[in-house]
Amino acid sequence: MPKLQGFEFWSRTLRGARHVVAPMVDQSELAWRLLSRRHGAQLCYTPMLHAQVFVRDANYREENLYCEVCPEDRPLIVQFCANDPEVFVRAALLAQDYCDAIDLNLGCPQMIAKRGHYGAFLQEEWDLLERMILLAHEKLAVPITCKIRVFPDIDKTVRYAQMLEKAGCQLLTVHGRTKEQKGPLPGPASWDHIRAVRKAVSIPVFANGNIQCLGDVQRCLQDTGAQGVMSAEGNLHNPALFEGRSPAVWELAEEYLELVHQHPCPLSYVRAHLFKLWHHTLQVHQQFREELAKAKTLEDAAAVSRALRLRCQEDMAKQEGEKPVDGLPLFHWVCQPYVRSGPREGSREPSGARSKRALEEEEEAGGRPELLSKKQQKKKLRNPHKTFDPSLKPKYATCDQCGNPKGNRCVFSLCRGCCKKSAFKALADCPGHGLLFKTKLEKSLAWKGDRPQLQEPPPSGPEEPGSCPEVVGSGVA
């Protein structure tokens, strides 16, 4: 059967999906996707997966995609970050039997994407992106899609989208922010950019940005002409967003925890989801924040959630008939969006107070040693001689195969993991990594050569009554 493309792919394979849950690192795992689908989501993406790691690490594949077959979790799109056409396609070929399409992440604006050279930091390398999409479109049995951020200039954004479509992209998700609009002060997403892209391409377009409630979904579809709307932050604070409901937080928290029991995931994912769901309540009952952060098991996290429910029910009894406080549209125990406040005009940051984003950018530019994050300050207290100046950090040579730091004394110029595989395959030694495959083999052969040979027993005649046959050797057959 030929591969479906464009609008036929969207209408038949994706069932005309309009309500879409975004790919979120460590946050759009199976349990959360199933929760979102129960409450109105029609299409979900996996968390962003690293193509190179997916290719080389079987455990990574097992944990993130191969863990179990779940018919309810369809349609599903697997998203990869990559910067090499061959590696991207190899990863996609390993994943295509478990999803309905493969998505290339061209929208991640975080510092880790800058360091790894992927996501939104590839948006100026059109030749590379064209090769990646062309090869994937040619080799894969499922369609290739892309998620992008916009350029400040609308015309350049349109040309960018048209290039991706021409290369073979069958569906485009447009996040209406630039790669500089990130962190706690992202600013509004531009629906004008999304509308211009939608008019300029002949493939389906999903809009992403400014989605906090069902009303936003409907306005976005009308204003941009997009085929669907993708939500990330809004979905994390209210998984029932696409239903147009704002239920009590504990209702969805308890439902999510039940799904985690059925489809386990790392505890760090669970804690992060509960922090998002209970965000407004934790501003009121702050003593539970540390308890949730210190939860060591799923039951510990569930116990904190139950305690928060009791506190909220007490607050409900006290505040009956009153209005919400702290500028919230609804009471703190109700699922509702979290809107980040922008910078106040004329305000100045206190001396020494810096955002994580500013610290990261200063570190990239050379850094200022007197400005440290809280985490760095704690490390400095434990080790006063520690330095965070990148110019003073040792430069590590990279492994010839995977890019991780290689062993300084490795005979193969590899990291330990790659060295172990190469040394085993070649039956060689690497003293630098303490791997002695050749030496152990030689010792084993010498030991076998020194052993006296067991003599063959003489042929026996007819056994005498009551006698037992001689047993040679030992063990159980």
Protein backbone atom coordinates (compact mmCIF):
# COMPACT_ATOMS: atom_id res chain seq x y z
CA MET A 1 0.00 0.00 0.00
CA PRO A 2 1.47 3.38 -1.00
CA LYS A 3 2.37 5.81 1.77
CA LEU A 4 -0.36 8.37 2.46
CA GLN A 5 0.64 12.00 2.08
CA GLY A 6 -0.52 15.47 3.06
CA PHE A 7 -4.21 15.92 3.72
CA GLU A 8 -4.99 12.28 2.99
CA PHE A 9 -2.52 11.28 5.72
CA TRP A 10 -4.08 13.78 8.16
CA SER A 11 -7.70 12.79 7.44
CA ARG A 12 -7.26 9.00 7.27
CA THR A 13 -4.28 8.03 9.41
CA LEU A 14 -4.54 10.85 11.96
CA ARG A 15 -8.38 10.77 11.74
CA GLY A 16 -8.60 14.49 11.14
CA ALA A 17 -7.07 15.27 14.55
CA ARG A 18 -7.61 18.83 15.78
CA HIS A 19 -6.68 18.52 19.46
CA VAL A 20 -3.00 17.60 19.80
CA VAL A 21 -0.72 17.03 22.80
CA ALA A 22 2.79 18.32 22.16
CA PRO A 23 6.03 16.35 22.41
CA MET A 24 7.46 17.24 25.85
CA VAL A 25 10.77 15.94 27.19
CA ASP A 26 10.06 13.55 30.11
CA GLN A 27 6.45 14.79 30.24
CA SER A 28 4.47 13.22 27.39
CA GLU A 29 5.07 9.62 28.46
CA LEU A 30 2.49 6.86 27.91
CA ALA A 31 0.52 7.35 31.16
CA TRP A 32 0.13 11.08 30.49
CA ARG A 33 -0.81 10.51 26.85
CA LEU A 34 -3.55 8.07 27.90
CA LEU A 35 -4.86 10.57 30.46
CA SER A 36 -4.93 13.31 27.82
CA ARG A 37 -6.71 11.05 25.32
CA ARG A 38 -9.41 10.26 27.89
CA HIS A 39 -10.08 13.99 28.12
CA GLY A 40 -10.30 15.11 24.53
CA ALA A 41 -6.85 14.77 22.95
CA GLN A 42 -7.07 13.18 19.49
CA LEU A 43 -3.36 12.89 18.67
CA CYS A 44 -0.25 12.65 20.85
CA TYR A 45 3.49 12.85 20.31
CA THR A 46 6.14 10.95 22.25
CA PRO A 47 8.70 12.93 24.23
CA MET A 48 11.59 14.13 22.11
CA LEU A 49 14.00 11.21 21.60
CA HIS A 50 17.68 11.58 20.72
CA ALA A 51 18.24 9.81 17.39
CA GLN A 52 21.87 8.88 18.01
CA VAL A 53 21.12 7.38 21.43
CA PHE A 54 18.07 5.58 20.03
CA VAL A 55 20.24 3.90 17.39
CA ARG A 56 23.02 2.71 19.69
CA ASP A 57 21.19 1.93 22.95
CA ALA A 58 18.70 -0.95 23.05
CA ASN A 59 17.68 -0.07 26.61
CA TYR A 60 16.80 3.47 25.53
CA ARG A 61 14.56 2.07 22.79
CA GLU A 62 12.93 -0.35 25.22
CA GLU A 63 12.25 2.29 27.87
CA ASN A 64 10.91 4.97 25.52
CA LEU A 65 9.03 3.14 22.77
CA TYR A 66 9.25 -0.65 22.82
CA CYS A 67 8.03 -1.04 26.42
CA GLU A 68 4.53 -2.28 25.56
CA VAL A 69 1.94 -2.34 22.83
CA CYS A 70 -0.98 -0.09 23.74
CA PRO A 71 -3.73 0.06 21.08
CA GLU A 72 -5.39 3.03 22.83
CA ASP A 73 -2.26 5.12 22.26
CA ARG A 74 -2.90 5.78 18.58
CA PRO A 75 -2.58 7.74 16.44
CA LEU A 76 0.94 8.46 17.69
CA ILE A 77 3.87 10.42 16.24
CA VAL A 78 7.44 9.75 17.41
CA GLN A 79 9.67 12.82 17.56
CA PHE A 80 13.45 12.76 17.15
CA CYS A 81 16.13 15.39 17.44
CA ALA A 82 19.00 14.84 15.01
CA ASN A 83 21.55 16.66 12.87
CA ASP A 84 22.78 13.80 10.67
CA PRO A 85 20.58 12.42 7.83
CA GLU A 86 21.88 8.84 8.10
CA VAL A 87 21.52 8.67 11.89
CA PHE A 88 18.04 10.23 11.75
CA VAL A 89 16.82 7.71 9.18
CA ARG A 90 18.36 4.76 11.04
CA ALA A 91 16.53 5.81 14.21
CA ALA A 92 13.30 6.37 12.30
CA LEU A 93 13.49 2.92 10.70
CA LEU A 94 13.78 1.37 14.18
CA ALA A 95 10.71 3.33 15.35
CA GLN A 96 8.36 3.33 12.36
CA ASP A 97 6.58 0.08 13.22
CA TYR A 98 5.43 1.56 16.54
CA CYS A 99 3.87 4.82 15.31
CA ASP A 100 1.98 6.56 12.53
CA ALA A 101 4.61 9.15 11.55
CA ILE A 102 8.11 10.38 12.42
CA ASP A 103 8.62 14.02 13.43
CA LEU A 104 11.88 15.96 13.18
CA ASN A 105 12.31 18.41 16.05
CA LEU A 106 13.29 21.81 14.64
CA GLY A 107 11.73 23.80 17.47
CA CYS A 108 13.67 23.13 20.71
CA PRO A 109 15.25 26.46 21.79
CA GLN A 110 16.98 25.28 24.98
CA MET A 111 20.69 25.58 25.69
CA ILE A 112 21.10 21.78 25.51
CA ALA A 113 19.84 21.94 21.90
CA LYS A 114 22.39 24.65 21.14
CA ARG A 115 25.21 22.57 22.60
CA GLY A 116 24.02 19.42 20.80
CA HIS A 117 23.37 21.33 17.57
CA TYR A 118 19.78 20.29 16.98
CA GLY A 119 16.24 21.65 17.32
CA ALA A 120 15.72 25.32 16.49
CA PHE A 121 19.47 25.80 16.10
CA LEU A 122 19.32 24.05 12.72
CA GLN A 123 16.81 26.48 11.24
CA GLU A 124 19.47 28.37 9.25
CA GLU A 125 20.96 25.17 7.74
CA TRP A 126 18.47 24.65 4.95
CA ASP A 127 20.70 22.39 2.84
CA LEU A 128 21.18 19.96 5.75
CA LEU A 129 17.46 19.96 6.60
CA GLU A 130 16.53 19.38 2.99
CA ARG A 131 18.83 16.31 2.85
CA MET A 132 17.40 14.96 6.11
CA ILE A 133 13.78 15.29 5.01
CA LEU A 134 14.44 13.98 1.48
CA LEU A 135 16.21 10.87 2.75
CA ALA A 136 13.54 10.17 5.38
CA HIS A 137 10.74 10.68 2.86
CA GLU A 138 12.45 8.24 0.49
CA LYS A 139 13.36 5.51 3.01
CA LEU A 140 10.49 5.45 5.54
CA ALA A 141 7.23 3.55 5.27
CA VAL A 142 5.47 6.25 7.33
CA PRO A 143 5.22 10.00 6.62
CA ILE A 144 7.78 12.52 7.86
CA THR A 145 6.56 15.64 9.70
CA CYS A 146 8.33 18.66 11.23
CA LYS A 147 7.83 20.98 14.19
CA ILE A 148 9.41 24.41 13.72
CA ARG A 149 9.75 27.81 15.32
CA VAL A 150 9.31 30.99 13.30
CA PHE A 151 11.79 33.61 12.17
CA PRO A 152 11.08 37.24 13.15
CA ASP A 153 10.42 37.91 9.46
CA ILE A 154 7.18 36.37 8.17
CA ASP A 155 8.44 36.06 4.57
CA LYS A 156 11.50 34.07 5.66
CA THR A 157 9.29 31.83 7.80
CA VAL A 158 7.09 31.15 4.76
CA ARG A 159 10.09 30.29 2.56
CA TYR A 160 11.38 28.00 5.32
CA ALA A 161 8.06 26.14 5.48
CA GLN A 162 7.89 25.83 1.69
CA MET A 163 11.41 24.37 1.59
CA LEU A 164 10.43 21.69 4.13
CA GLU A 165 7.26 20.87 2.21
CA LYS A 166 9.17 20.57 -1.07
CA ALA A 167 11.70 18.22 0.58
CA GLY A 168 8.92 15.81 1.61
CA CYS A 169 7.40 17.03 4.90
CA GLN A 170 3.76 15.89 5.03
CA LEU A 171 2.55 17.89 8.05
CA LEU A 172 3.99 21.00 9.68
CA THR A 173 3.58 22.17 13.25
CA VAL A 174 4.38 25.87 13.63
CA HIS A 175 5.20 27.25 17.07
CA GLY A 176 4.57 30.95 16.68
CA ARG A 177 7.63 32.05 18.67
CA THR A 178 11.25 32.57 17.68
CA LYS A 179 14.04 30.52 19.26
CA GLU A 180 14.91 33.54 21.41
CA GLN A 181 11.42 33.54 22.97
CA LYS A 182 11.91 30.94 25.68
CA GLY A 183 12.18 30.42 29.43
CA PRO A 184 10.04 32.30 31.95
CA LEU A 185 9.44 35.31 29.68
CA PRO A 186 8.47 33.89 26.30
CA GLY A 187 6.07 36.59 25.12
CA PRO A 188 2.98 35.86 23.02
CA ALA A 189 3.12 33.54 20.03
CA SER A 190 2.43 35.11 16.64
CA TRP A 191 -0.64 33.66 14.99
CA ASP A 192 0.09 35.97 12.02
CA HIS A 193 3.15 33.86 11.18
CA ILE A 194 1.11 30.66 11.45
CA ARG A 195 -1.66 32.03 9.24
CA ALA A 196 0.88 33.09 6.59
CA VAL A 197 2.45 29.61 6.56
CA ARG A 198 -0.95 27.94 6.34
CA LYS A 199 -1.83 30.01 3.25
CA ALA A 200 1.53 29.31 1.59
CA VAL A 201 1.73 25.50 1.86
CA SER A 202 -0.48 22.70 0.57
CA ILE A 203 0.03 20.33 3.53
CA PRO A 204 -1.81 20.30 6.90
CA VAL A 205 -0.58 22.74 9.54
CA PHE A 206 -0.87 22.52 13.34
CA ALA A 207 -0.69 25.75 15.33
CA ASN A 208 1.22 25.91 18.62
CA GLY A 209 1.32 28.76 21.13
CA ASN A 210 -1.08 30.80 23.33
CA ILE A 211 -3.33 27.80 24.04
CA GLN A 212 -4.61 27.84 27.63
CA CYS A 213 -8.29 26.86 27.30
CA LEU A 214 -10.79 25.48 24.79
CA GLY A 215 -11.77 29.02 23.78
CA ASP A 216 -8.17 29.63 22.70
CA VAL A 217 -8.31 26.47 20.59
CA GLN A 218 -11.40 27.64 18.76
CA ARG A 219 -10.05 31.17 18.22
CA CYS A 220 -6.72 29.81 16.95
CA LEU A 221 -8.37 27.51 14.44
CA GLN A 222 -10.49 30.38 13.16
CA ASP A 223 -7.70 33.00 13.07
CA THR A 224 -4.96 30.84 11.53
CA GLY A 225 -6.93 28.41 9.37
CA ALA A 226 -4.80 25.58 10.79
CA GLN A 227 -6.03 21.99 10.71
CA GLY A 228 -5.25 21.40 14.38
CA VAL A 229 -3.98 23.02 17.57
CA MET A 230 -1.15 21.69 19.73
CA SER A 231 -0.91 22.37 23.46
CA ALA A 232 2.02 21.82 25.83
CA GLU A 233 2.00 24.04 28.93
CA GLY A 234 -1.80 24.36 28.94
CA ASN A 235 -2.18 20.58 28.78
CA LEU A 236 0.25 20.04 31.69
CA HIS A 237 -1.79 22.30 33.99
CA ASN A 238 -5.17 21.03 32.78
CA PRO A 239 -5.27 17.72 30.87
CA ALA A 240 -9.03 18.29 30.40
CA LEU A 241 -8.35 21.46 28.39
CA PHE A 242 -9.67 19.96 25.14
CA GLU A 243 -12.92 18.99 26.88
CA GLY A 244 -13.50 22.59 27.92
CA ARG A 245 -13.59 21.56 31.60
CA SER A 246 -11.71 22.76 34.66
CA PRO A 247 -12.13 19.89 37.14
CA ALA A 248 -10.75 19.70 40.67
CA VAL A 249 -7.01 19.04 40.57
CA TRP A 250 -7.22 15.86 42.66
CA GLU A 251 -9.64 14.31 40.16
CA LEU A 252 -7.02 14.30 37.40
CA ALA A 253 -4.08 13.73 39.76
CA GLU A 254 -5.64 10.53 41.09
CA GLU A 255 -6.60 9.35 37.61
CA TYR A 256 -3.03 9.93 36.43
CA LEU A 257 -1.55 8.03 39.38
CA GLU A 258 -3.81 5.06 38.59
CA LEU A 259 -2.51 5.07 35.02
CA VAL A 260 1.07 5.17 36.28
CA HIS A 261 0.37 2.01 38.30
CA GLN A 262 -0.72 0.33 35.04
CA HIS A 263 1.99 1.87 32.86
CA PRO A 264 5.00 2.65 35.09
CA CYS A 265 7.37 5.51 34.35
CA PRO A 266 10.28 7.14 36.24
CA LEU A 267 9.28 8.81 39.51
CA SER A 268 10.82 12.09 38.30
CA TYR A 269 8.12 12.26 35.59
CA VAL A 270 5.38 11.73 38.18
CA ARG A 271 6.73 14.41 40.52
CA ALA A 272 6.99 16.88 37.64
CA HIS A 273 3.37 16.27 36.61
CA LEU A 274 2.09 16.65 40.16
CA PHE A 275 4.03 19.90 40.57
CA LYS A 276 2.30 21.24 37.44
CA LEU A 277 -1.17 20.03 38.42
CA TRP A 278 -0.89 21.32 42.00
CA HIS A 279 1.00 24.48 41.02
CA HIS A 280 -1.51 27.02 42.34
CA THR A 281 -2.29 25.03 45.50
CA LEU A 282 1.43 24.75 46.31
CA GLN A 283 1.60 28.55 46.35
CA VAL A 284 -0.94 28.44 49.20
CA HIS A 285 0.24 25.33 51.07
CA GLN A 286 3.96 25.69 50.51
CA GLN A 287 4.97 23.16 53.16
CA PHE A 288 3.90 20.36 50.79
CA ARG A 289 6.32 21.48 48.10
CA GLU A 290 9.34 20.03 49.89
CA GLU A 291 7.44 16.85 50.78
CA LEU A 292 6.63 16.26 47.13
CA ALA A 293 10.20 17.01 46.08
CA LYS A 294 11.52 14.46 48.60
CA ALA A 295 9.09 11.68 47.61
CA LYS A 296 11.10 8.51 47.03
CA THR A 297 8.34 6.19 45.81
CA LEU A 298 5.12 6.41 43.86
CA GLU A 299 3.19 5.83 47.10
CA ASP A 300 5.02 8.77 48.75
CA ALA A 301 3.97 11.05 45.88
CA ALA A 302 0.39 9.75 46.06
CA ALA A 303 0.33 10.42 49.82
CA VAL A 304 1.32 14.06 49.26
CA SER A 305 -1.39 14.38 46.64
CA ARG A 306 -3.99 12.97 49.06
CA ALA A 307 -2.86 15.38 51.78
CA LEU A 308 -3.23 18.29 49.36
CA ARG A 309 -6.73 17.11 48.51
CA LEU A 310 -7.73 17.20 52.19
CA ARG A 311 -6.33 20.72 52.57
CA CYS A 312 -8.20 21.86 49.47
CA GLN A 313 -11.48 20.40 50.73
CA GLU A 314 -10.97 22.29 54.01
CA ASP A 315 -10.36 25.47 52.01
CA MET A 316 -13.52 24.83 50.01
CA ALA A 317 -15.57 24.65 53.20
CA LYS A 318 -14.09 27.91 54.49
CA GLN A 319 -14.27 29.91 51.26
CA GLU A 320 -17.75 28.98 50.09
CA GLY A 321 -19.29 32.01 48.41
CA GLU A 322 -16.02 33.97 48.33
CA LYS A 323 -13.98 34.89 45.26
CA PRO A 324 -10.56 33.49 44.27
CA VAL A 325 -7.54 35.41 45.54
CA ASP A 326 -4.10 36.24 44.09
CA GLY A 327 -5.61 37.23 40.76
CA LEU A 328 -6.58 33.68 39.78
CA PRO A 329 -9.68 33.26 37.61
CA LEU A 330 -10.65 30.15 39.62
CA PHE A 331 -9.94 28.80 43.10
CA HIS A 332 -6.47 27.29 43.52
CA TRP A 333 -7.80 23.70 43.74
CA VAL A 334 -9.28 23.89 40.23
CA CYS A 335 -7.26 23.01 37.09
CA GLN A 336 -6.47 26.26 35.33
CA PRO A 337 -3.71 27.77 33.23
CA TYR A 338 -0.50 29.14 34.64
CA VAL A 339 0.29 32.42 32.91
CA ARG A 340 3.86 33.59 33.34
CA SER A 341 4.05 37.25 34.24
CA GLY A 342 6.18 39.47 32.04
CA PRO A 343 8.86 41.89 33.21
CA ARG A 344 7.62 45.02 34.93
CA GLU A 345 8.60 48.26 33.30
CA GLY A 346 11.26 50.13 35.19
CA SER A 347 11.96 47.23 37.51
CA ARG A 348 15.46 46.03 38.17
CA GLU A 349 16.71 42.68 39.26
CA PRO A 350 18.14 42.61 42.78
CA SER A 351 21.91 42.58 42.97
CA GLY A 352 23.22 39.11 42.20
CA ALA A 353 19.79 37.74 41.15
CA ARG A 354 20.03 36.15 37.73
CA SER A 355 17.80 33.85 35.75
CA LYS A 356 18.95 30.39 34.78
CA ARG A 357 18.77 31.44 31.14
CA ALA A 358 21.06 34.45 31.77
CA LEU A 359 23.56 32.28 33.62
CA GLU A 360 23.61 29.74 30.80
CA GLU A 361 24.16 32.44 28.19
CA GLU A 362 26.95 34.02 30.22
CA GLU A 363 28.56 30.61 30.58
CA GLU A 364 28.47 30.18 26.80
CA ALA A 365 29.99 33.63 26.31
CA GLY A 366 32.79 33.09 28.82
CA GLY A 367 30.97 33.52 32.13
CA ARG A 368 31.48 35.70 35.18
CA PRO A 369 32.75 33.72 38.16
CA GLU A 370 30.99 35.84 40.76
CA LEU A 371 27.54 35.04 39.33
CA LEU A 372 26.61 31.47 40.20
CA SER A 373 23.32 29.61 40.18
CA LYS A 374 22.00 28.18 43.45
CA LYS A 375 23.16 24.72 42.43
CA GLN A 376 26.64 26.01 41.66
CA GLN A 377 26.76 27.86 44.99
CA LYS A 378 26.00 24.61 46.84
CA LYS A 379 28.79 22.84 44.96
CA LYS A 380 31.13 25.70 45.84
CA LEU A 381 30.33 25.29 49.53
CA ARG A 382 31.21 21.59 49.37
CA ASN A 383 34.36 22.22 47.36
CA PRO A 384 35.76 25.79 47.72
CA HIS A 385 38.42 25.13 45.08
CA LYS A 386 35.88 24.20 42.38
CA THR A 387 35.76 26.54 39.39
CA PHE A 388 32.88 27.17 37.00
CA ASP A 389 34.89 29.24 34.54
CA PRO A 390 34.56 27.35 31.22
CA SER A 391 37.96 28.63 30.08
CA LEU A 392 39.57 26.71 32.95
CA LYS A 393 37.66 23.48 32.45
CA PRO A 394 39.66 20.61 30.93
CA LYS A 395 38.92 19.88 27.29
CA TYR A 396 38.09 16.25 26.69
CA ALA A 397 38.83 14.44 23.46
CA THR A 398 35.76 12.69 22.11
CA CYS A 399 35.18 9.04 21.32
CA ASP A 400 35.62 8.25 17.61
CA GLN A 401 32.30 6.38 17.54
CA CYS A 402 29.72 8.02 19.82
CA GLY A 403 31.06 11.46 20.73
CA ASN A 404 31.31 10.86 24.50
CA PRO A 405 34.62 11.68 26.24
CA LYS A 406 37.20 9.03 25.36
CA GLY A 407 39.62 7.36 27.76
CA ASN A 408 42.97 9.15 27.88
CA ARG A 409 44.86 5.83 27.74
CA CYS A 410 42.46 3.88 25.55
CA VAL A 411 44.30 2.00 22.79
CA PHE A 412 41.26 2.34 20.52
CA SER A 413 40.65 6.08 21.24
CA LEU A 414 37.13 5.28 22.44
CA CYS A 415 34.95 5.72 25.51
CA ARG A 416 34.70 2.71 27.80
CA GLY A 417 31.38 1.45 26.39
CA CYS A 418 32.57 1.51 22.77
CA CYS A 419 36.02 0.21 23.78
CA LYS A 420 34.48 -2.80 25.51
CA LYS A 421 32.59 -3.77 22.35
CA SER A 422 35.63 -3.25 20.09
CA ALA A 423 38.06 -5.08 22.39
CA PHE A 424 35.69 -8.04 22.75
CA LYS A 425 35.14 -8.25 18.99
CA ALA A 426 38.90 -8.07 18.28
CA LEU A 427 39.89 -10.25 21.29
CA ALA A 428 42.31 -7.48 22.30
CA ASP A 429 43.42 -5.81 25.54
CA CYS A 430 42.92 -2.20 26.60
CA PRO A 431 44.90 -1.59 29.81
CA GLY A 432 43.61 1.96 29.96
CA HIS A 433 40.08 0.72 30.57
CA GLY A 434 41.12 -2.44 32.42
CA LEU A 435 39.78 -4.69 29.65
CA LEU A 436 41.91 -7.85 29.21
CA PHE A 437 40.07 -10.09 26.74
CA LYS A 438 43.26 -11.28 24.97
CA THR A 439 45.15 -11.94 28.22
CA LYS A 440 42.26 -13.89 29.74
CA LEU A 441 41.89 -15.99 26.60
CA GLU A 442 45.60 -16.82 26.58
CA LYS A 443 45.50 -17.77 30.26
CA SER A 444 42.47 -19.94 29.67
CA LEU A 445 44.15 -21.78 26.79
CA ALA A 446 47.36 -22.24 28.81
CA TRP A 447 45.40 -23.60 31.74
CA LYS A 448 43.61 -26.09 29.52
CA GLY A 449 46.95 -27.14 28.01
CA ASP A 450 48.48 -27.82 31.44
CA ARG A 451 45.63 -30.02 32.62
CA PRO A 452 46.27 -33.81 32.46
CA GLN A 453 44.12 -35.54 29.92
CA LEU A 454 41.45 -37.82 31.32
CA GLN A 455 42.11 -41.41 30.28
CA GLU A 456 39.45 -43.28 28.45
CA PRO A 457 37.97 -46.08 30.59
CA PRO A 458 38.71 -49.59 29.31
CA PRO A 459 35.83 -51.34 27.61
CA SER A 460 33.91 -53.25 30.19
CA GLY A 461 32.54 -56.72 29.86
CA PRO A 462 29.19 -57.96 31.06
CA GLU A 463 28.36 -56.46 34.40
CA GLU A 464 28.30 -58.69 37.46
CA PRO A 465 25.05 -58.81 39.40
CA GLY A 466 24.88 -56.07 42.02
CA SER A 467 27.76 -54.05 40.56
CA CYS A 468 27.49 -50.39 39.47
CA PRO A 469 28.90 -48.99 36.23
CA GLU A 470 31.91 -46.68 36.73
CA VAL A 471 31.04 -43.03 36.55
CA VAL A 472 33.53 -40.84 34.66
CA GLY A 473 33.43 -37.10 35.15
CA SER A 474 30.77 -35.23 37.03
CA GLY A 475 27.66 -33.21 36.46
CA VAL A 476 24.09 -33.87 35.54
CA ALA A 477 23.06 -34.73 31.99
